[in-house]
Amino acid sequence: MLLIQAGLDGVRNSMTLPDPCDMDLSGLQDRCLASLPASMEESIEAALGSGLVKLHVPASVTAAYAAREQE
């Protein structure tokens, strides 16, 4: 559901798509793709700081998930 909400958010806010990356992507991440989190900690930090996640995922869910992953 969050993926669909992200797409709808892009449409509502008239976001433009990035240029296509028509090449071998191994080792080219810095050139044409946004970096993905490299660890679970970075993933949790990104999710907790995301306005889209805050809008569509209840705070109790994100807090419980973050607490569980940090154990």
PDB file of N, CA and C in Angstrom:
ATOM      1  N   MET A   1       0.819  -1.184   0.000  1.00  0.00           N
ATOM      2  CA  MET A   1       0.000   0.000   0.000  1.00  0.00           C
ATOM      3  C   MET A   1       0.871   1.258   0.000  1.00  0.00           C
ATOM      4  N   LEU A   2       1.975   1.221   0.703  1.00  0.00           N
ATOM      5  CA  LEU A   2       2.834   2.404   0.780  1.00  0.00           C
ATOM      6  C   LEU A   2       3.419   2.744  -0.587  1.00  0.00           C
ATOM      7  N   LEU A   3       3.718   1.740  -1.378  1.00  0.00           N
ATOM      8  CA  LEU A   3       4.237   1.967  -2.724  1.00  0.00           C
ATOM      9  C   LEU A   3       3.195   2.681  -3.591  1.00  0.00           C
ATOM     10  N   ILE A   4       1.942   2.262  -3.485  1.00  0.00           N
ATOM     11  CA  ILE A   4       0.871   2.917  -4.237  1.00  0.00           C
ATOM     12  C   ILE A   4       0.708   4.357  -3.768  1.00  0.00           C
ATOM     13  N   GLN A   5       0.761   4.576  -2.459  1.00  0.00           N
ATOM     14  CA  GLN A   5       0.644   5.936  -1.926  1.00  0.00           C
ATOM     15  C   GLN A   5       1.789   6.818  -2.416  1.00  0.00           C
ATOM     16  N   ALA A   6       2.981   6.252  -2.502  1.00  0.00           N
ATOM     17  CA  ALA A   6       4.131   7.019  -2.997  1.00  0.00           C
ATOM     18  C   ALA A   6       3.905   7.438  -4.448  1.00  0.00           C
ATOM     19  N   GLY A   7       3.389   6.521  -5.256  1.00  0.00           N
ATOM     20  CA  GLY A   7       3.090   6.852  -6.651  1.00  0.00           C
ATOM     21  C   GLY A   7       2.026   7.918  -6.758  1.00  0.00           C
ATOM     22  N   LEU A   8       0.975   7.793  -5.981  1.00  0.00           N
ATOM     23  CA  LEU A   8      -0.093   8.795  -5.992  1.00  0.00           C
ATOM     24  C   LEU A   8       0.417  10.149  -5.520  1.00  0.00           C
ATOM     25  N   ASP A   9       1.299  10.147  -4.541  1.00  0.00           N
ATOM     26  CA  ASP A   9       1.893  11.388  -4.053  1.00  0.00           C
ATOM     27  C   ASP A   9       2.680  12.081  -5.169  1.00  0.00           C
ATOM     28  N   GLY A  10       3.404  11.299  -5.942  1.00  0.00           N
ATOM     29  CA  GLY A  10       4.152  11.856  -7.064  1.00  0.00           C
ATOM     30  C   GLY A  10       3.235  12.471  -8.105  1.00  0.00           C
ATOM     31  N   VAL A  11       2.116  11.807  -8.392  1.00  0.00           N
ATOM     32  CA  VAL A  11       1.151  12.329  -9.359  1.00  0.00           C
ATOM     33  C   VAL A  11       0.507  13.603  -8.824  1.00  0.00           C
ATOM     34  N   ARG A  12       0.072  13.576  -7.568  1.00  0.00           N
ATOM     35  CA  ARG A  12      -0.591  14.753  -6.975  1.00  0.00           C
ATOM     36  C   ARG A  12       0.326  15.975  -6.951  1.00  0.00           C
ATOM     37  N   ASN A  13       1.608  15.733  -6.719  1.00  0.00           N
ATOM     38  CA  ASN A  13       2.554  16.842  -6.605  1.00  0.00           C
ATOM     39  C   ASN A  13       3.296  17.127  -7.913  1.00  0.00           C
ATOM     40  N   SER A  14       2.817  16.551  -9.005  1.00  0.00           N
ATOM     41  CA  SER A  14       3.390  16.768 -10.340  1.00  0.00           C
ATOM     42  C   SER A  14       4.905  16.561 -10.371  1.00  0.00           C
ATOM     43  N   MET A  15       5.368  15.533  -9.678  1.00  0.00           N
ATOM     44  CA  MET A  15       6.798  15.236  -9.672  1.00  0.00           C
ATOM     45  C   MET A  15       7.202  14.670 -11.024  1.00  0.00           C
ATOM     46  N   THR A  16       8.392  14.994 -11.453  1.00  0.00           N
ATOM     47  CA  THR A  16       8.878  14.459 -12.716  1.00  0.00           C
ATOM     48  C   THR A  16       9.718  13.221 -12.452  1.00  0.00           C
ATOM     49  N   LEU A  17       9.641  12.290 -13.378  1.00  0.00           N
ATOM     50  CA  LEU A  17      10.444  11.075 -13.253  1.00  0.00           C
ATOM     51  C   LEU A  17      11.898  11.383 -13.573  1.00  0.00           C
ATOM     52  N   PRO A  18      12.828  10.701 -12.919  1.00  0.00           N
ATOM     53  CA  PRO A  18      14.235  10.884 -13.285  1.00  0.00           C
ATOM     54  C   PRO A  18      14.489  10.284 -14.667  1.00  0.00           C
ATOM     55  N   ASP A  19      15.593  10.662 -15.272  1.00  0.00           N
ATOM     56  CA  ASP A  19      15.963  10.080 -16.553  1.00  0.00           C
ATOM     57  C   ASP A  19      16.164   8.581 -16.387  1.00  0.00           C
ATOM     58  N   PRO A  20      15.821   7.814 -17.415  1.00  0.00           N
ATOM     59  CA  PRO A  20      16.038   6.359 -17.319  1.00  0.00           C
ATOM     60  C   PRO A  20      17.515   6.035 -17.220  1.00  0.00           C
ATOM     61  N   CYS A  21      17.794   4.930 -16.608  1.00  0.00           N
ATOM     62  CA  CYS A  21      19.166   4.473 -16.429  1.00  0.00           C
ATOM     63  C   CYS A  21      19.328   3.221 -17.273  1.00  0.00           C
ATOM     64  N   ASP A  22      19.589   3.408 -18.554  1.00  0.00           N
ATOM     65  CA  ASP A  22      19.673   2.301 -19.504  1.00  0.00           C
ATOM     66  C   ASP A  22      21.096   1.782 -19.639  1.00  0.00           C
ATOM     67  N   MET A  23      21.605   1.201 -18.572  1.00  0.00           N
ATOM     68  CA  MET A  23      22.959   0.671 -18.593  1.00  0.00           C
ATOM     69  C   MET A  23      23.118  -0.374 -17.504  1.00  0.00           C
ATOM     70  N   ASP A  24      24.256  -1.027 -17.481  1.00  0.00           N
ATOM     71  CA  ASP A  24      24.562  -1.981 -16.421  1.00  0.00           C
ATOM     72  C   ASP A  24      24.664  -1.194 -15.125  1.00  0.00           C
ATOM     73  N   LEU A  25      23.814  -1.487 -14.180  1.00  0.00           N
ATOM     74  CA  LEU A  25      23.735  -0.697 -12.949  1.00  0.00           C
ATOM     75  C   LEU A  25      24.759  -1.071 -11.894  1.00  0.00           C
ATOM     76  N   SER A  26      25.450  -2.174 -12.065  1.00  0.00           N
ATOM     77  CA  SER A  26      26.427  -2.563 -11.058  1.00  0.00           C
ATOM     78  C   SER A  26      27.567  -1.548 -11.021  1.00  0.00           C
ATOM     79  N   GLY A  27      27.778  -0.975  -9.868  1.00  0.00           N
ATOM     80  CA  GLY A  27      28.842   0.002  -9.695  1.00  0.00           C
ATOM     81  C   GLY A  27      28.510   1.398 -10.171  1.00  0.00           C
ATOM     82  N   LEU A  28      27.296   1.623 -10.655  1.00  0.00           N
ATOM     83  CA  LEU A  28      26.936   2.943 -11.177  1.00  0.00           C
ATOM     84  C   LEU A  28      25.911   3.661 -10.308  1.00  0.00           C
ATOM     85  N   GLN A  29      25.705   3.173  -9.135  1.00  0.00           N
ATOM     86  CA  GLN A  29      24.656   3.717  -8.286  1.00  0.00           C
ATOM     87  C   GLN A  29      24.809   5.218  -8.056  1.00  0.00           C
ATOM     88  N   ASP A  30      26.024   5.703  -7.885  1.00  0.00           N
ATOM     89  CA  ASP A  30      26.221   7.120  -7.593  1.00  0.00           C
ATOM     90  C   ASP A  30      25.915   8.013  -8.789  1.00  0.00           C
ATOM     91  N   ARG A  31      25.913   7.458  -9.994  1.00  0.00           N
ATOM     92  CA  ARG A  31      25.730   8.275 -11.188  1.00  0.00           C
ATOM     93  C   ARG A  31      24.277   8.587 -11.496  1.00  0.00           C
ATOM     94  N   CYS A  32      23.378   7.624 -11.332  1.00  0.00           N
ATOM     95  CA  CYS A  32      22.020   7.866 -11.795  1.00  0.00           C
ATOM     96  C   CYS A  32      20.936   7.370 -10.850  1.00  0.00           C
ATOM     97  N   LEU A  33      21.287   6.794  -9.747  1.00  0.00           N
ATOM     98  CA  LEU A  33      20.300   6.298  -8.805  1.00  0.00           C
ATOM     99  C   LEU A  33      20.544   6.873  -7.417  1.00  0.00           C
ATOM    100  N   ALA A  34      19.475   7.137  -6.728  1.00  0.00           N
ATOM    101  CA  ALA A  34      19.616   7.547  -5.333  1.00  0.00           C
ATOM    102  C   ALA A  34      20.108   6.345  -4.537  1.00  0.00           C
ATOM    103  N   SER A  35      20.925   6.580  -3.548  1.00  0.00           N
ATOM    104  CA  SER A  35      21.449   5.494  -2.730  1.00  0.00           C
ATOM    105  C   SER A  35      20.359   4.931  -1.827  1.00  0.00           C
ATOM    106  N   LEU A  36      20.364   3.639  -1.680  1.00  0.00           N
ATOM    107  CA  LEU A  36      19.485   2.985  -0.727  1.00  0.00           C
ATOM    108  C   LEU A  36      20.216   2.879   0.600  1.00  0.00           C
ATOM    109  N   PRO A  37      19.474   2.781   1.689  1.00  0.00           N
ATOM    110  CA  PRO A  37      20.135   2.616   2.982  1.00  0.00           C
ATOM    111  C   PRO A  37      21.036   1.378   2.976  1.00  0.00           C
ATOM    112  N   ALA A  38      22.193   1.509   3.600  1.00  0.00           N
ATOM    113  CA  ALA A  38      23.170   0.418   3.613  1.00  0.00           C
ATOM    114  C   ALA A  38      22.999  -0.504   4.819  1.00  0.00           C
ATOM    115  N   SER A  39      22.172  -0.125   5.770  1.00  0.00           N
ATOM    116  CA  SER A  39      21.990  -0.945   6.967  1.00  0.00           C
ATOM    117  C   SER A  39      20.552  -0.820   7.457  1.00  0.00           C
ATOM    118  N   MET A  40      20.180  -1.712   8.366  1.00  0.00           N
ATOM    119  CA  MET A  40      18.844  -1.644   8.958  1.00  0.00           C
ATOM    120  C   MET A  40      18.674  -0.334   9.729  1.00  0.00           C
ATOM    121  N   GLU A  41      19.726   0.106  10.409  1.00  0.00           N
ATOM    122  CA  GLU A  41      19.648   1.346  11.162  1.00  0.00           C
ATOM    123  C   GLU A  41      19.360   2.533  10.236  1.00  0.00           C
ATOM    124  N   GLU A  42      20.056   2.578   9.089  1.00  0.00           N
ATOM    125  CA  GLU A  42      19.817   3.651   8.119  1.00  0.00           C
ATOM    126  C   GLU A  42      18.405   3.563   7.556  1.00  0.00           C
ATOM    127  N   SER A  43      17.902   2.355   7.351  1.00  0.00           N
ATOM    128  CA  SER A  43      16.545   2.164   6.840  1.00  0.00           C
ATOM    129  C   SER A  43      15.506   2.687   7.826  1.00  0.00           C
ATOM    130  N   ILE A  44      15.691   2.359   9.088  1.00  0.00           N
ATOM    131  CA  ILE A  44      14.760   2.818  10.120  1.00  0.00           C
ATOM    132  C   ILE A  44      14.810   4.337  10.223  1.00  0.00           C
ATOM    133  N   GLU A  45      15.995   4.907  10.198  1.00  0.00           N
ATOM    134  CA  GLU A  45      16.148   6.356  10.272  1.00  0.00           C
ATOM    135  C   GLU A  45      15.448   7.036   9.091  1.00  0.00           C
ATOM    136  N   ALA A  46      15.607   6.470   7.901  1.00  0.00           N
ATOM    137  CA  ALA A  46      14.959   7.040   6.715  1.00  0.00           C
ATOM    138  C   ALA A  46      13.442   6.944   6.830  1.00  0.00           C
ATOM    139  N   ALA A  47      12.942   5.819   7.293  1.00  0.00           N
ATOM    140  CA  ALA A  47      11.489   5.641   7.435  1.00  0.00           C
ATOM    141  C   ALA A  47      10.913   6.590   8.476  1.00  0.00           C
ATOM    142  N   LEU A  48      11.602   6.713   9.607  1.00  0.00           N
ATOM    143  CA  LEU A  48      11.105   7.593  10.664  1.00  0.00           C
ATOM    144  C   LEU A  48      11.143   9.061  10.257  1.00  0.00           C
ATOM    145  N   GLY A  49      12.024   9.410   9.328  1.00  0.00           N
ATOM    146  CA  GLY A  49      12.121  10.789   8.870  1.00  0.00           C
ATOM    147  C   GLY A  49      11.300  11.084   7.623  1.00  0.00           C
ATOM    148  N   SER A  50      10.598  10.086   7.105  1.00  0.00           N
ATOM    149  CA  SER A  50       9.836  10.240   5.866  1.00  0.00           C
ATOM    150  C   SER A  50       8.452  10.814   6.121  1.00  0.00           C
ATOM    151  N   GLY A  51       8.157  11.905   5.458  1.00  0.00           N
ATOM    152  CA  GLY A  51       6.823  12.485   5.558  1.00  0.00           C
ATOM    153  C   GLY A  51       5.757  11.553   5.018  1.00  0.00           C
ATOM    154  N   LEU A  52       6.094  10.812   3.954  1.00  0.00           N
ATOM    155  CA  LEU A  52       5.144   9.869   3.364  1.00  0.00           C
ATOM    156  C   LEU A  52       4.813   8.747   4.347  1.00  0.00           C
ATOM    157  N   VAL A  53       5.825   8.225   5.015  1.00  0.00           N
ATOM    158  CA  VAL A  53       5.589   7.171   6.017  1.00  0.00           C
ATOM    159  C   VAL A  53       4.767   7.723   7.171  1.00  0.00           C
ATOM    160  N   LYS A  54       5.105   8.916   7.627  1.00  0.00           N
ATOM    161  CA  LYS A  54       4.352   9.526   8.733  1.00  0.00           C
ATOM    162  C   LYS A  54       2.888   9.735   8.372  1.00  0.00           C
ATOM    163  N   LEU A  55       2.627  10.047   7.107  1.00  0.00           N
ATOM    164  CA  LEU A  55       1.263  10.296   6.662  1.00  0.00           C
ATOM    165  C   LEU A  55       0.440   9.022   6.544  1.00  0.00           C
ATOM    166  N   HIS A  56       1.062   7.917   6.143  1.00  0.00           N
ATOM    167  CA  HIS A  56       0.303   6.714   5.815  1.00  0.00           C
ATOM    168  C   HIS A  56       0.511   5.524   6.742  1.00  0.00           C
ATOM    169  N   VAL A  57       1.478   5.587   7.635  1.00  0.00           N
ATOM    170  CA  VAL A  57       1.713   4.481   8.571  1.00  0.00           C
ATOM    171  C   VAL A  57       1.521   5.029   9.982  1.00  0.00           C
ATOM    172  N   PRO A  58       0.667   4.404  10.771  1.00  0.00           N
ATOM    173  CA  PRO A  58       0.451   4.899  12.133  1.00  0.00           C
ATOM    174  C   PRO A  58       1.761   4.969  12.930  1.00  0.00           C
ATOM    175  N   ALA A  59       1.907   6.016  13.722  1.00  0.00           N
ATOM    176  CA  ALA A  59       3.116   6.219  14.523  1.00  0.00           C
ATOM    177  C   ALA A  59       3.385   5.035  15.441  1.00  0.00           C
ATOM    178  N   SER A  60       2.334   4.409  15.943  1.00  0.00           N
ATOM    179  CA  SER A  60       2.523   3.257  16.831  1.00  0.00           C
ATOM    180  C   SER A  60       3.188   2.095  16.094  1.00  0.00           C
ATOM    181  N   VAL A  61       2.893   1.952  14.813  1.00  0.00           N
ATOM    182  CA  VAL A  61       3.488   0.875  14.016  1.00  0.00           C
ATOM    183  C   VAL A  61       4.965   1.150  13.770  1.00  0.00           C
ATOM    184  N   THR A  62       5.305   2.371  13.342  1.00  0.00           N
ATOM    185  CA  THR A  62       6.710   2.672  13.073  1.00  0.00           C
ATOM    186  C   THR A  62       7.532   2.633  14.359  1.00  0.00           C
ATOM    187  N   ALA A  63       6.972   3.107  15.462  1.00  0.00           N
ATOM    188  CA  ALA A  63       7.697   3.079  16.729  1.00  0.00           C
ATOM    189  C   ALA A  63       7.944   1.648  17.189  1.00  0.00           C
ATOM    190  N   ALA A  64       6.931   0.798  17.072  1.00  0.00           N
ATOM    191  CA  ALA A  64       7.090  -0.594  17.480  1.00  0.00           C
ATOM    192  C   ALA A  64       8.095  -1.313  16.598  1.00  0.00           C
ATOM    193  N   TYR A  65       8.063  -1.057  15.297  1.00  0.00           N
ATOM    194  CA  TYR A  65       9.006  -1.690  14.389  1.00  0.00           C
ATOM    195  C   TYR A  65      10.439  -1.236  14.690  1.00  0.00           C
ATOM    196  N   ALA A  66      10.613   0.059  14.886  1.00  0.00           N
ATOM    197  CA  ALA A  66      11.957   0.586  15.177  1.00  0.00           C
ATOM    198  C   ALA A  66      12.481   0.010  16.490  1.00  0.00           C
ATOM    199  N   ALA A  67      11.635  -0.052  17.513  1.00  0.00           N
ATOM    200  CA  ALA A  67      12.058  -0.595  18.810  1.00  0.00           C
ATOM    201  C   ALA A  67      12.439  -2.069  18.687  1.00  0.00           C
ATOM    202  N   ARG A  68      11.669  -2.825  17.923  1.00  0.00           N
ATOM    203  CA  ARG A  68      11.950  -4.266  17.759  1.00  0.00           C
ATOM    204  C   ARG A  68      13.254  -4.480  17.029  1.00  0.00           C
ATOM    205  N   GLU A  69      13.504  -3.700  15.980  1.00  0.00           N
ATOM    206  CA  GLU A  69      14.721  -3.872  15.188  1.00  0.00           C
ATOM    207  C   GLU A  69      15.975  -3.426  15.942  1.00  0.00           C
ATOM    208  N   GLN A  70      15.817  -2.564  16.923  1.00  0.00           N
ATOM    209  CA  GLN A  70      16.982  -2.055  17.655  1.00  0.00           C
ATOM    210  C   GLN A  70      17.325  -2.931  18.851  1.00  0.00           C
ATOM    211  N   GLU A  71      16.563  -3.989  19.078  1.00  0.00           N
ATOM    212  CA  GLU A  71      16.854  -4.892  20.206  1.00  0.00           C
ATOM    213  C   GLU A  71      18.107  -5.691  19.945  1.00  0.00           C
TER     214      GLU A  71
END
